[in-house]
Amino acid sequence: MHLHKYEKWWLIFGVGALITFLIVLGFGAFYIGTHPQSHGITIDPENIEAEEAFKPENLGLTKVDEGQYVLNVVATAFNYDLGKDEDGNPVKHIQIPKGSTVLIQATTPDVVHGFNIAGTNANMMIEPGYISSMEVTLNTSGEFTLLCNEYCGVGHHMMYATVEVTE
């Protein structure tokens, strides 16, 4: 079999790039210890209220300490459940003081949803059977939209809430 000069060069380049990629990947995986997340907390999607954080009275924003908050959210078909107000109406607007650190914990009983507070670095995927959590510090005041960035059905565009970061 006869290979042209340029075919040999491209073959050497391709094999060299593959070997380099595998060495870098192996170095990162074995020497540095980087690996995919494996400490996911599981939950029964048919009984999310069995978990203390997702009982109806614990949903929404809770102050833990000075400048420390926990936001428990249940994402369902076309709705973010952030708890109820004093009159029993669903909460669609939450206020968080500027500079606060917020631990966001979210789950869903039905399909995959997204959790994105537009304009911040709060962005995660919410999957049935898992508790997604993320800690963010909100340093910019203003009004931000909490939206679902994973298509979840025909009412997907109606899945939003407002997060206000106050001075």
C-alpha atoms as a PDB file:
ATOM      1  CA  MET A   1       0.000   0.000   0.000  1.00  0.00           C
ATOM      2  CA  HIS A   2       1.342   3.376  -0.983  1.00  0.00           C
ATOM      3  CA  LEU A   3       0.527   6.518   1.033  1.00  0.00           C
ATOM      4  CA  HIS A   4       1.047   9.983  -0.317  1.00  0.00           C
ATOM      5  CA  LYS A   5       3.448  12.264   1.579  1.00  0.00           C
ATOM      6  CA  TYR A   6       0.613  14.508   2.866  1.00  0.00           C
ATOM      7  CA  GLU A   7      -1.486  11.527   3.952  1.00  0.00           C
ATOM      8  CA  LYS A   8       1.426  10.355   6.085  1.00  0.00           C
ATOM      9  CA  TRP A   9       1.755  13.798   7.669  1.00  0.00           C
ATOM     10  CA  TRP A  10      -1.990  13.991   8.451  1.00  0.00           C
ATOM     11  CA  LEU A  11      -1.935  10.444   9.819  1.00  0.00           C
ATOM     12  CA  ILE A  12       1.024  11.263  12.087  1.00  0.00           C
ATOM     13  CA  PHE A  13      -0.639  14.517  13.166  1.00  0.00           C
ATOM     14  CA  GLY A  14      -3.979  12.781  13.920  1.00  0.00           C
ATOM     15  CA  VAL A  15      -2.424   9.937  15.905  1.00  0.00           C
ATOM     16  CA  GLY A  16      -0.201  12.412  17.758  1.00  0.00           C
ATOM     17  CA  ALA A  17      -3.190  14.601  18.656  1.00  0.00           C
ATOM     18  CA  LEU A  18      -5.106  11.546  19.888  1.00  0.00           C
ATOM     19  CA  ILE A  19      -2.193  10.404  22.050  1.00  0.00           C
ATOM     20  CA  THR A  20      -1.761  13.941  23.450  1.00  0.00           C
ATOM     21  CA  PHE A  21      -5.486  14.151  24.258  1.00  0.00           C
ATOM     22  CA  LEU A  22      -5.413  10.790  26.047  1.00  0.00           C
ATOM     23  CA  ILE A  23      -2.315  11.757  28.047  1.00  0.00           C
ATOM     24  CA  VAL A  24      -3.908  15.056  29.152  1.00  0.00           C
ATOM     25  CA  LEU A  25      -7.165  13.277  30.045  1.00  0.00           C
ATOM     26  CA  GLY A  26      -5.310  10.561  31.962  1.00  0.00           C
ATOM     27  CA  PHE A  27      -3.197  13.137  33.807  1.00  0.00           C
ATOM     28  CA  GLY A  28      -6.319  15.047  34.849  1.00  0.00           C
ATOM     29  CA  ALA A  29      -8.227  11.942  35.879  1.00  0.00           C
ATOM     30  CA  PHE A  30      -5.545  10.012  37.721  1.00  0.00           C
ATOM     31  CA  TYR A  31      -2.899  12.461  38.925  1.00  0.00           C
ATOM     32  CA  ILE A  32      -4.988  15.574  39.627  1.00  0.00           C
ATOM     33  CA  GLY A  33      -8.093  13.591  40.552  1.00  0.00           C
ATOM     34  CA  THR A  34     -10.734  15.420  38.526  1.00  0.00           C
ATOM     35  CA  HIS A  35     -13.866  13.368  37.948  1.00  0.00           C
ATOM     36  CA  PRO A  36     -17.576  13.823  37.282  1.00  0.00           C
ATOM     37  CA  GLN A  37     -19.836  14.617  40.196  1.00  0.00           C
ATOM     38  CA  SER A  38     -20.674  11.421  42.021  1.00  0.00           C
ATOM     39  CA  HIS A  39     -22.087  12.657  45.308  1.00  0.00           C
ATOM     40  CA  GLY A  40     -25.589  13.381  44.053  1.00  0.00           C
ATOM     41  CA  ILE A  41     -28.289  13.187  46.697  1.00  0.00           C
ATOM     42  CA  THR A  42     -31.175  11.003  45.597  1.00  0.00           C
ATOM     43  CA  ILE A  43     -34.833  11.442  46.502  1.00  0.00           C
ATOM     44  CA  ASP A  44     -38.026   9.539  45.734  1.00  0.00           C
ATOM     45  CA  PRO A  45     -39.665  11.686  43.028  1.00  0.00           C
ATOM     46  CA  GLU A  46     -43.103  10.366  43.963  1.00  0.00           C
ATOM     47  CA  ASN A  47     -42.684  11.426  47.597  1.00  0.00           C
ATOM     48  CA  ILE A  48     -40.536  14.552  47.686  1.00  0.00           C
ATOM     49  CA  GLU A  49     -42.266  15.778  50.842  1.00  0.00           C
ATOM     50  CA  ALA A  50     -40.528  12.978  52.769  1.00  0.00           C
ATOM     51  CA  GLU A  51     -37.378  15.120  52.553  1.00  0.00           C
ATOM     52  CA  GLU A  52     -37.463  17.825  55.253  1.00  0.00           C
ATOM     53  CA  ALA A  53     -36.328  20.618  52.909  1.00  0.00           C
ATOM     54  CA  PHE A  54     -39.216  20.074  50.495  1.00  0.00           C
ATOM     55  CA  LYS A  55     -42.127  19.960  52.925  1.00  0.00           C
ATOM     56  CA  PRO A  56     -44.610  22.738  52.018  1.00  0.00           C
ATOM     57  CA  GLU A  57     -43.784  24.770  55.132  1.00  0.00           C
ATOM     58  CA  ASN A  58     -40.029  24.740  54.312  1.00  0.00           C
ATOM     59  CA  LEU A  59     -40.277  25.889  50.691  1.00  0.00           C
ATOM     60  CA  GLY A  60     -39.027  29.322  49.720  1.00  0.00           C
ATOM     61  CA  LEU A  61     -36.350  31.538  51.229  1.00  0.00           C
ATOM     62  CA  THR A  62     -35.219  30.917  54.815  1.00  0.00           C
ATOM     63  CA  LYS A  63     -32.675  32.986  56.735  1.00  0.00           C
ATOM     64  CA  VAL A  64     -30.087  30.730  58.377  1.00  0.00           C
ATOM     65  CA  ASP A  65     -27.603  33.286  59.684  1.00  0.00           C
ATOM     66  CA  GLU A  66     -26.536  36.868  59.006  1.00  0.00           C
ATOM     67  CA  GLY A  67     -26.023  37.025  55.236  1.00  0.00           C
ATOM     68  CA  GLN A  68     -26.780  33.283  54.849  1.00  0.00           C
ATOM     69  CA  TYR A  69     -29.995  31.980  53.278  1.00  0.00           C
ATOM     70  CA  VAL A  70     -31.428  28.709  51.992  1.00  0.00           C
ATOM     71  CA  LEU A  71     -33.813  28.672  49.036  1.00  0.00           C
ATOM     72  CA  ASN A  72     -35.811  25.436  48.719  1.00  0.00           C
ATOM     73  CA  VAL A  73     -37.619  25.051  45.386  1.00  0.00           C
ATOM     74  CA  VAL A  74     -39.804  22.363  43.833  1.00  0.00           C
ATOM     75  CA  ALA A  75     -40.083  22.629  40.060  1.00  0.00           C
ATOM     76  CA  THR A  76     -43.252  21.068  38.689  1.00  0.00           C
ATOM     77  CA  ALA A  77     -45.077  21.241  35.382  1.00  0.00           C
ATOM     78  CA  PHE A  78     -44.736  24.905  34.369  1.00  0.00           C
ATOM     79  CA  ASN A  79     -44.322  26.209  37.921  1.00  0.00           C
ATOM     80  CA  TYR A  80     -41.670  26.931  40.545  1.00  0.00           C
ATOM     81  CA  ASP A  81     -43.086  26.225  43.999  1.00  0.00           C
ATOM     82  CA  LEU A  82     -41.486  28.816  46.299  1.00  0.00           C
ATOM     83  CA  GLY A  83     -44.012  28.372  49.097  1.00  0.00           C
ATOM     84  CA  LYS A  84     -47.147  30.280  50.015  1.00  0.00           C
ATOM     85  CA  ASP A  85     -47.637  33.783  51.405  1.00  0.00           C
ATOM     86  CA  GLU A  86     -49.727  34.671  54.491  1.00  0.00           C
ATOM     87  CA  ASP A  87     -52.947  34.546  52.450  1.00  0.00           C
ATOM     88  CA  GLY A  88     -52.150  31.098  51.026  1.00  0.00           C
ATOM     89  CA  ASN A  89     -51.292  32.407  47.540  1.00  0.00           C
ATOM     90  CA  PRO A  90     -48.286  30.995  45.665  1.00  0.00           C
ATOM     91  CA  VAL A  91     -45.109  33.070  45.995  1.00  0.00           C
ATOM     92  CA  LYS A  92     -43.764  34.317  42.648  1.00  0.00           C
ATOM     93  CA  HIS A  93     -41.439  37.024  43.983  1.00  0.00           C
ATOM     94  CA  ILE A  94     -38.641  36.675  46.540  1.00  0.00           C
ATOM     95  CA  GLN A  95     -36.360  39.345  48.009  1.00  0.00           C
ATOM     96  CA  ILE A  96     -32.761  38.671  48.977  1.00  0.00           C
ATOM     97  CA  PRO A  97     -30.389  41.243  50.524  1.00  0.00           C
ATOM     98  CA  LYS A  98     -27.395  42.215  48.380  1.00  0.00           C
ATOM     99  CA  GLY A  99     -24.181  40.363  49.253  1.00  0.00           C
ATOM    100  CA  SER A 100     -25.999  37.388  50.742  1.00  0.00           C
ATOM    101  CA  THR A 101     -24.895  33.831  50.186  1.00  0.00           C
ATOM    102  CA  VAL A 102     -27.794  31.609  49.142  1.00  0.00           C
ATOM    103  CA  LEU A 103     -27.781  27.810  49.145  1.00  0.00           C
ATOM    104  CA  ILE A 104     -30.282  26.794  46.469  1.00  0.00           C
ATOM    105  CA  GLN A 105     -31.782  23.311  46.814  1.00  0.00           C
ATOM    106  CA  ALA A 106     -34.190  22.134  44.133  1.00  0.00           C
ATOM    107  CA  THR A 107     -35.929  18.975  42.995  1.00  0.00           C
ATOM    108  CA  THR A 108     -38.749  17.929  40.689  1.00  0.00           C
ATOM    109  CA  PRO A 109     -41.308  15.129  40.734  1.00  0.00           C
ATOM    110  CA  ASP A 110     -42.022  15.056  36.990  1.00  0.00           C
ATOM    111  CA  VAL A 111     -39.556  15.911  34.178  1.00  0.00           C
ATOM    112  CA  VAL A 112     -36.176  17.598  33.745  1.00  0.00           C
ATOM    113  CA  HIS A 113     -36.321  21.342  34.415  1.00  0.00           C
ATOM    114  CA  GLY A 114     -33.768  24.113  34.381  1.00  0.00           C
ATOM    115  CA  PHE A 115     -33.078  26.640  37.124  1.00  0.00           C
ATOM    116  CA  ASN A 116     -31.528  29.874  35.911  1.00  0.00           C
ATOM    117  CA  ILE A 117     -31.544  33.252  37.605  1.00  0.00           C
ATOM    118  CA  ALA A 118     -30.822  35.369  34.531  1.00  0.00           C
ATOM    119  CA  GLY A 119     -27.933  37.775  34.995  1.00  0.00           C
ATOM    120  CA  THR A 120     -26.300  35.746  37.787  1.00  0.00           C
ATOM    121  CA  ASN A 121     -24.209  32.600  37.893  1.00  0.00           C
ATOM    122  CA  ALA A 122     -27.108  30.552  39.333  1.00  0.00           C
ATOM    123  CA  ASN A 123     -27.736  27.930  36.668  1.00  0.00           C
ATOM    124  CA  MET A 124     -28.422  24.239  37.169  1.00  0.00           C
ATOM    125  CA  MET A 125     -30.420  21.325  35.847  1.00  0.00           C
ATOM    126  CA  ILE A 126     -33.130  19.804  38.035  1.00  0.00           C
ATOM    127  CA  GLU A 127     -33.732  16.094  37.460  1.00  0.00           C
ATOM    128  CA  PRO A 128     -36.416  13.822  38.934  1.00  0.00           C
ATOM    129  CA  GLY A 129     -34.977  11.621  41.667  1.00  0.00           C
ATOM    130  CA  TYR A 130     -32.144  14.012  42.604  1.00  0.00           C
ATOM    131  CA  ILE A 131     -31.655  17.074  44.776  1.00  0.00           C
ATOM    132  CA  SER A 132     -29.732  19.716  42.869  1.00  0.00           C
ATOM    133  CA  SER A 133     -27.902  22.220  45.036  1.00  0.00           C
ATOM    134  CA  MET A 134     -25.745  25.239  44.394  1.00  0.00           C
ATOM    135  CA  GLU A 135     -24.385  28.060  46.526  1.00  0.00           C
ATOM    136  CA  VAL A 136     -24.309  31.551  45.046  1.00  0.00           C
ATOM    137  CA  THR A 137     -23.459  35.000  46.349  1.00  0.00           C
ATOM    138  CA  LEU A 138     -25.672  37.738  44.952  1.00  0.00           C
ATOM    139  CA  ASN A 139     -23.591  40.927  44.787  1.00  0.00           C
ATOM    140  CA  THR A 140     -25.569  42.881  42.202  1.00  0.00           C
ATOM    141  CA  SER A 141     -28.798  44.557  43.223  1.00  0.00           C
ATOM    142  CA  GLY A 142     -31.770  44.561  40.900  1.00  0.00           C
ATOM    143  CA  GLU A 143     -34.638  42.441  39.718  1.00  0.00           C
ATOM    144  CA  PHE A 144     -33.777  39.124  38.051  1.00  0.00           C
ATOM    145  CA  THR A 145     -35.957  36.531  36.372  1.00  0.00           C
ATOM    146  CA  LEU A 146     -35.868  32.944  37.579  1.00  0.00           C
ATOM    147  CA  LEU A 147     -36.623  30.854  34.529  1.00  0.00           C
ATOM    148  CA  CYS A 148     -36.596  27.287  33.273  1.00  0.00           C
ATOM    149  CA  ASN A 149     -33.951  26.844  30.595  1.00  0.00           C
ATOM    150  CA  GLU A 150     -34.761  23.195  29.809  1.00  0.00           C
ATOM    151  CA  TYR A 151     -37.793  22.596  27.603  1.00  0.00           C
ATOM    152  CA  CYS A 152     -40.351  20.832  29.800  1.00  0.00           C
ATOM    153  CA  GLY A 153     -43.539  20.915  27.726  1.00  0.00           C
ATOM    154  CA  VAL A 154     -46.105  23.195  26.104  1.00  0.00           C
ATOM    155  CA  GLY A 155     -46.371  25.560  29.100  1.00  0.00           C
ATOM    156  CA  HIS A 156     -42.599  25.941  29.437  1.00  0.00           C
ATOM    157  CA  HIS A 157     -42.706  29.663  28.639  1.00  0.00           C
ATOM    158  CA  MET A 158     -44.968  30.243  31.677  1.00  0.00           C
ATOM    159  CA  MET A 159     -42.406  28.859  34.149  1.00  0.00           C
ATOM    160  CA  TYR A 160     -40.808  31.868  35.808  1.00  0.00           C
ATOM    161  CA  ALA A 161     -40.568  33.847  39.033  1.00  0.00           C
ATOM    162  CA  THR A 162     -38.845  37.072  40.111  1.00  0.00           C
ATOM    163  CA  VAL A 163     -35.815  37.361  42.372  1.00  0.00           C
ATOM    164  CA  GLU A 164     -35.148  40.848  43.731  1.00  0.00           C
ATOM    165  CA  VAL A 165     -31.737  41.588  45.223  1.00  0.00           C
ATOM    166  CA  THR A 166     -32.196  44.590  47.527  1.00  0.00           C
ATOM    167  CA  GLU A 167     -29.670  47.029  49.000  1.00  0.00           C
END
